N, C-alpha and C. Protein backbone atom coordinates (compact mmCIF):
# COMPACT_ATOMS: atom_id res chain seq x y z
N UNK A 1 13.93 100.59 59.19
CA UNK A 1 13.64 99.77 60.34
C UNK A 1 14.53 98.53 60.29
N UNK A 2 15.28 98.24 61.36
CA UNK A 2 16.14 97.06 61.35
C UNK A 2 15.32 95.79 61.35
N UNK A 3 15.88 94.81 60.68
CA UNK A 3 15.20 93.52 60.58
C UNK A 3 15.33 92.75 61.89
N UNK A 4 14.27 92.08 62.29
CA UNK A 4 14.27 91.31 63.53
C UNK A 4 15.15 90.07 63.36
N UNK A 5 15.86 89.67 64.42
CA UNK A 5 16.77 88.52 64.31
C UNK A 5 16.05 87.22 63.95
N UNK A 6 14.86 86.99 64.51
CA UNK A 6 14.19 85.73 64.20
C UNK A 6 13.70 85.69 62.76
N UNK A 7 13.44 86.84 62.15
CA UNK A 7 13.05 86.87 60.74
C UNK A 7 14.23 86.46 59.85
N UNK A 8 15.43 86.91 60.23
CA UNK A 8 16.63 86.51 59.47
C UNK A 8 16.88 85.02 59.60
N UNK A 9 16.72 84.49 60.82
CA UNK A 9 16.91 83.05 61.03
C UNK A 9 15.88 82.24 60.27
N UNK A 10 14.65 82.72 60.24
CA UNK A 10 13.61 82.02 59.49
C UNK A 10 13.93 82.01 58.00
N UNK A 11 14.37 83.13 57.48
CA UNK A 11 14.73 83.20 56.06
C UNK A 11 15.89 82.27 55.75
N UNK A 12 16.91 82.26 56.62
CA UNK A 12 18.05 81.36 56.42
C UNK A 12 17.62 79.91 56.47
N UNK A 13 16.70 79.59 57.38
CA UNK A 13 16.20 78.22 57.49
C UNK A 13 15.45 77.80 56.25
N UNK A 14 14.61 78.68 55.74
CA UNK A 14 13.82 78.35 54.54
C UNK A 14 14.72 78.18 53.33
N UNK A 15 15.68 79.07 53.15
CA UNK A 15 16.58 78.99 51.99
C UNK A 15 17.44 77.74 52.06
N UNK A 16 18.02 77.46 53.23
CA UNK A 16 18.88 76.28 53.37
C UNK A 16 18.08 74.99 53.22
N UNK A 17 16.87 74.97 53.76
CA UNK A 17 16.02 73.78 53.62
C UNK A 17 15.64 73.54 52.16
N UNK A 18 15.28 74.59 51.47
CA UNK A 18 14.91 74.46 50.06
C UNK A 18 16.10 73.96 49.24
N UNK A 19 17.29 74.51 49.51
CA UNK A 19 18.50 74.08 48.79
C UNK A 19 18.74 72.58 48.99
N UNK A 20 18.69 72.13 50.24
CA UNK A 20 18.96 70.72 50.51
C UNK A 20 17.87 69.81 49.97
N UNK A 21 16.63 70.27 49.99
CA UNK A 21 15.54 69.47 49.43
C UNK A 21 15.72 69.29 47.92
N UNK A 22 16.01 70.37 47.23
CA UNK A 22 16.23 70.28 45.78
C UNK A 22 17.47 69.44 45.48
N UNK A 23 18.54 69.62 46.26
CA UNK A 23 19.76 68.84 46.05
C UNK A 23 19.50 67.36 46.26
N UNK A 24 18.72 67.02 47.27
CA UNK A 24 18.40 65.61 47.52
C UNK A 24 17.59 65.03 46.37
N UNK A 25 16.62 65.78 45.88
CA UNK A 25 15.80 65.28 44.75
C UNK A 25 16.64 65.11 43.50
N UNK A 26 17.51 66.07 43.22
CA UNK A 26 18.39 65.96 42.05
C UNK A 26 19.32 64.77 42.20
N UNK A 27 19.82 64.57 43.40
CA UNK A 27 20.73 63.46 43.67
C UNK A 27 20.03 62.11 43.50
N UNK A 28 18.78 62.02 43.93
CA UNK A 28 18.03 60.77 43.75
C UNK A 28 17.80 60.51 42.26
N UNK A 29 17.43 61.55 41.53
CA UNK A 29 17.18 61.41 40.10
C UNK A 29 18.47 61.03 39.36
N UNK A 30 19.59 61.62 39.80
CA UNK A 30 20.89 61.35 39.15
C UNK A 30 21.54 60.07 39.64
N UNK A 31 20.92 59.37 40.53
CA UNK A 31 21.48 58.11 41.01
C UNK A 31 22.60 58.27 42.02
N UNK A 32 22.58 59.35 42.79
CA UNK A 32 23.60 59.55 43.82
C UNK A 32 24.94 60.00 43.31
N UNK A 33 24.96 60.67 42.16
CA UNK A 33 26.24 61.06 41.58
C UNK A 33 26.75 62.41 42.09
N UNK A 34 25.92 63.16 42.81
CA UNK A 34 26.35 64.45 43.36
C UNK A 34 27.05 64.17 44.68
N UNK A 35 28.37 64.12 44.66
CA UNK A 35 29.13 63.76 45.85
C UNK A 35 30.02 64.88 46.37
N UNK A 36 30.12 65.99 45.66
CA UNK A 36 31.00 67.06 46.07
C UNK A 36 30.46 67.74 47.33
N UNK A 37 31.32 67.92 48.30
CA UNK A 37 30.94 68.51 49.58
C UNK A 37 30.45 69.94 49.41
N UNK A 38 30.95 70.67 48.44
CA UNK A 38 30.60 72.08 48.28
C UNK A 38 29.10 72.26 48.08
N UNK A 39 28.45 71.34 47.40
CA UNK A 39 27.00 71.47 47.18
C UNK A 39 26.22 71.36 48.48
N UNK A 40 26.72 70.57 49.41
CA UNK A 40 26.08 70.43 50.71
C UNK A 40 26.54 71.51 51.67
N UNK A 41 27.71 72.10 51.42
CA UNK A 41 28.26 73.12 52.31
C UNK A 41 27.64 74.50 52.12
N UNK A 42 27.11 74.79 50.95
CA UNK A 42 26.54 76.12 50.69
C UNK A 42 25.39 76.43 51.64
N UNK A 43 24.38 75.57 51.79
CA UNK A 43 23.32 75.91 52.74
C UNK A 43 23.79 75.91 54.19
N UNK A 44 24.78 75.09 54.52
CA UNK A 44 25.33 75.09 55.88
C UNK A 44 26.00 76.44 56.15
N UNK A 45 26.78 76.92 55.22
CA UNK A 45 27.45 78.21 55.39
C UNK A 45 26.44 79.35 55.46
N UNK A 46 25.40 79.29 54.64
CA UNK A 46 24.37 80.33 54.65
C UNK A 46 23.68 80.37 56.01
N UNK A 47 23.36 79.21 56.56
CA UNK A 47 22.70 79.16 57.87
C UNK A 47 23.66 79.58 58.98
N UNK A 48 24.90 79.13 58.91
CA UNK A 48 25.88 79.45 59.96
C UNK A 48 26.25 80.92 59.96
N UNK A 49 26.12 81.59 58.83
CA UNK A 49 26.41 83.03 58.78
C UNK A 49 25.50 83.78 59.77
N UNK A 50 24.29 83.26 59.95
CA UNK A 50 23.34 83.90 60.84
C UNK A 50 23.39 83.36 62.27
N UNK A 51 23.67 82.06 62.44
CA UNK A 51 23.68 81.46 63.77
C UNK A 51 24.44 80.13 63.70
N UNK A 52 25.39 79.95 64.63
CA UNK A 52 26.20 78.73 64.61
C UNK A 52 25.36 77.49 64.88
N UNK A 53 24.43 77.56 65.82
CA UNK A 53 23.60 76.39 66.11
C UNK A 53 22.79 75.98 64.89
N UNK A 54 22.26 76.96 64.19
CA UNK A 54 21.51 76.66 62.97
C UNK A 54 22.42 76.03 61.92
N UNK A 55 23.66 76.50 61.82
CA UNK A 55 24.62 75.91 60.89
C UNK A 55 24.94 74.47 61.23
N UNK A 56 25.05 74.18 62.52
CA UNK A 56 25.33 72.80 62.94
C UNK A 56 24.12 71.89 62.69
N UNK A 57 22.93 72.44 62.87
CA UNK A 57 21.73 71.66 62.54
C UNK A 57 21.73 71.32 61.05
N UNK A 58 22.06 72.29 60.22
CA UNK A 58 22.07 72.03 58.79
C UNK A 58 23.27 71.18 58.37
N UNK A 59 24.32 71.13 59.17
CA UNK A 59 25.40 70.18 58.90
C UNK A 59 24.87 68.76 59.06
N UNK A 60 24.09 68.53 60.10
CA UNK A 60 23.49 67.21 60.30
C UNK A 60 22.47 66.91 59.21
N UNK A 61 21.64 67.89 58.88
CA UNK A 61 20.64 67.70 57.82
C UNK A 61 21.33 67.46 56.48
N UNK A 62 22.45 68.14 56.24
CA UNK A 62 23.19 67.94 55.00
C UNK A 62 23.76 66.54 54.89
N UNK A 63 24.26 66.01 56.01
CA UNK A 63 24.77 64.63 56.00
C UNK A 63 23.62 63.64 55.75
N UNK A 64 22.47 63.90 56.36
CA UNK A 64 21.31 63.04 56.10
C UNK A 64 20.82 63.18 54.66
N UNK A 65 20.91 64.38 54.13
CA UNK A 65 20.52 64.61 52.74
C UNK A 65 21.43 63.85 51.78
N UNK A 66 22.72 63.82 52.08
CA UNK A 66 23.66 63.06 51.25
C UNK A 66 23.34 61.57 51.31
N UNK A 67 22.98 61.08 52.49
CA UNK A 67 22.61 59.67 52.63
C UNK A 67 21.31 59.38 51.89
N UNK A 68 20.31 60.25 52.05
CA UNK A 68 19.01 60.03 51.40
C UNK A 68 19.12 60.13 49.89
N UNK A 69 20.03 60.96 49.41
CA UNK A 69 20.20 61.11 47.97
C UNK A 69 21.06 60.05 47.33
N UNK A 70 21.73 59.25 48.13
CA UNK A 70 22.55 58.17 47.58
C UNK A 70 24.03 58.48 47.49
N UNK A 71 24.45 59.64 47.97
CA UNK A 71 25.88 59.98 47.95
C UNK A 71 26.67 59.20 48.99
N UNK A 72 26.01 58.79 50.04
CA UNK A 72 26.60 57.98 51.09
C UNK A 72 25.86 56.66 51.08
N UNK A 73 26.48 55.54 51.01
CA UNK A 73 27.92 55.27 51.06
C UNK A 73 28.57 55.42 49.69
N UNK A 74 29.82 55.76 49.72
CA UNK A 74 30.63 55.87 48.50
C UNK A 74 30.83 54.49 47.91
N UNK A 75 30.62 54.34 46.61
CA UNK A 75 30.83 53.02 46.00
C UNK A 75 32.28 52.56 46.14
N UNK A 76 32.44 51.31 46.50
CA UNK A 76 33.77 50.73 46.60
C UNK A 76 34.41 50.82 47.96
N UNK A 77 33.84 51.59 48.88
CA UNK A 77 34.41 51.67 50.22
C UNK A 77 33.79 50.61 51.11
N UNK A 78 34.57 50.11 52.03
CA UNK A 78 34.11 49.04 52.90
C UNK A 78 33.66 49.53 54.28
N UNK A 79 33.75 50.83 54.54
CA UNK A 79 33.38 51.36 55.84
C UNK A 79 31.87 51.35 56.03
N UNK A 80 31.42 51.28 57.28
CA UNK A 80 29.99 51.35 57.53
C UNK A 80 29.42 52.72 57.16
N UNK A 81 28.15 52.75 56.91
CA UNK A 81 27.49 54.00 56.49
C UNK A 81 27.61 55.06 57.57
N UNK A 82 27.51 54.68 58.83
CA UNK A 82 27.54 55.69 59.89
C UNK A 82 28.88 56.39 59.98
N UNK A 83 29.97 55.71 59.61
CA UNK A 83 31.28 56.36 59.64
C UNK A 83 31.36 57.41 58.53
N UNK A 84 30.89 57.08 57.35
CA UNK A 84 30.89 58.06 56.27
C UNK A 84 29.96 59.22 56.59
N UNK A 85 28.82 58.92 57.19
CA UNK A 85 27.89 59.98 57.58
C UNK A 85 28.48 60.90 58.63
N UNK A 86 29.19 60.32 59.59
CA UNK A 86 29.82 61.13 60.62
C UNK A 86 30.93 61.98 60.02
N UNK A 87 31.68 61.43 59.07
CA UNK A 87 32.74 62.19 58.41
C UNK A 87 32.14 63.36 57.62
N UNK A 88 31.02 63.12 56.94
CA UNK A 88 30.35 64.21 56.21
C UNK A 88 29.88 65.28 57.19
N UNK A 89 29.30 64.86 58.33
CA UNK A 89 28.87 65.81 59.34
C UNK A 89 30.05 66.61 59.88
N UNK A 90 31.18 65.95 60.10
CA UNK A 90 32.37 66.62 60.60
C UNK A 90 32.85 67.69 59.62
N UNK A 91 32.91 67.35 58.34
CA UNK A 91 33.34 68.33 57.33
C UNK A 91 32.38 69.52 57.29
N UNK A 92 31.09 69.25 57.31
CA UNK A 92 30.11 70.33 57.24
C UNK A 92 30.11 71.15 58.53
N UNK A 93 30.41 70.55 59.65
CA UNK A 93 30.50 71.29 60.92
C UNK A 93 31.68 72.25 60.90
N UNK A 94 32.78 71.83 60.31
CA UNK A 94 33.94 72.71 60.18
C UNK A 94 33.59 73.89 59.29
N UNK A 95 32.85 73.65 58.22
CA UNK A 95 32.39 74.74 57.36
C UNK A 95 31.54 75.72 58.16
N UNK A 96 30.64 75.20 58.99
CA UNK A 96 29.78 76.05 59.81
C UNK A 96 30.59 76.89 60.78
N UNK A 97 31.55 76.27 61.45
CA UNK A 97 32.35 77.01 62.44
C UNK A 97 33.20 78.10 61.78
N UNK A 98 33.84 77.78 60.68
CA UNK A 98 34.67 78.77 59.99
C UNK A 98 33.82 79.90 59.43
N UNK A 99 32.65 79.56 58.91
CA UNK A 99 31.76 80.60 58.38
C UNK A 99 31.30 81.53 59.49
N UNK A 100 30.96 80.96 60.64
CA UNK A 100 30.51 81.80 61.76
C UNK A 100 31.63 82.71 62.24
N UNK A 101 32.85 82.19 62.33
CA UNK A 101 33.98 83.04 62.71
C UNK A 101 34.19 84.16 61.70
N UNK A 102 34.06 83.84 60.43
CA UNK A 102 34.22 84.87 59.39
C UNK A 102 33.12 85.92 59.48
N UNK A 103 31.89 85.50 59.77
CA UNK A 103 30.79 86.47 59.85
C UNK A 103 30.99 87.41 61.03
N UNK A 104 31.52 86.90 62.13
CA UNK A 104 31.78 87.77 63.27
C UNK A 104 32.92 88.73 62.99
N UNK A 105 33.92 88.28 62.25
CA UNK A 105 35.05 89.14 61.89
C UNK A 105 34.60 90.25 60.95
N UNK A 106 33.76 89.90 59.98
CA UNK A 106 33.28 90.90 59.02
C UNK A 106 32.42 91.93 59.73
N UNK A 107 31.65 91.50 60.72
CA UNK A 107 30.79 92.42 61.45
C UNK A 107 31.54 93.41 62.31
N UNK A 108 32.80 93.15 62.66
CA UNK A 108 33.59 94.03 63.52
C UNK A 108 34.47 95.00 62.75
N UNK A 109 34.43 94.95 61.44
CA UNK A 109 35.25 95.88 60.65
C UNK A 109 34.74 97.30 60.81
N UNK A 110 35.64 98.24 60.94
CA UNK A 110 35.17 99.64 61.03
C UNK A 110 34.64 100.10 59.66
N UNK A 111 33.62 100.94 59.66
CA UNK A 111 33.08 101.42 58.38
C UNK A 111 34.09 102.27 57.64
N UNK A 112 34.07 102.18 56.34
CA UNK A 112 35.01 102.96 55.51
C UNK A 112 34.32 104.11 54.85
């Protein structure tokens, strides 16, 4: 029996939310030292694989997670927090868009 689309979206939402929640808690405990974009991009890519809008939502949630965990603002930079947050959202949105394009390409491959 094929899986229903909303069940897949729900699973992607739960997994991505759990990842970002744990990442935020670890980041708070570590004093905001987790700054690598890849840690925030994994749940965005997982969500975007199933739906682009969901990936963009998690791009925004990922930027907020970085701010809540202390990764934003970067120490030593003089820019306002909202500029760094927007830049993080922009990077994560690009990850979402590229992931969604890749998922559509993979889905169109002929079976071997």
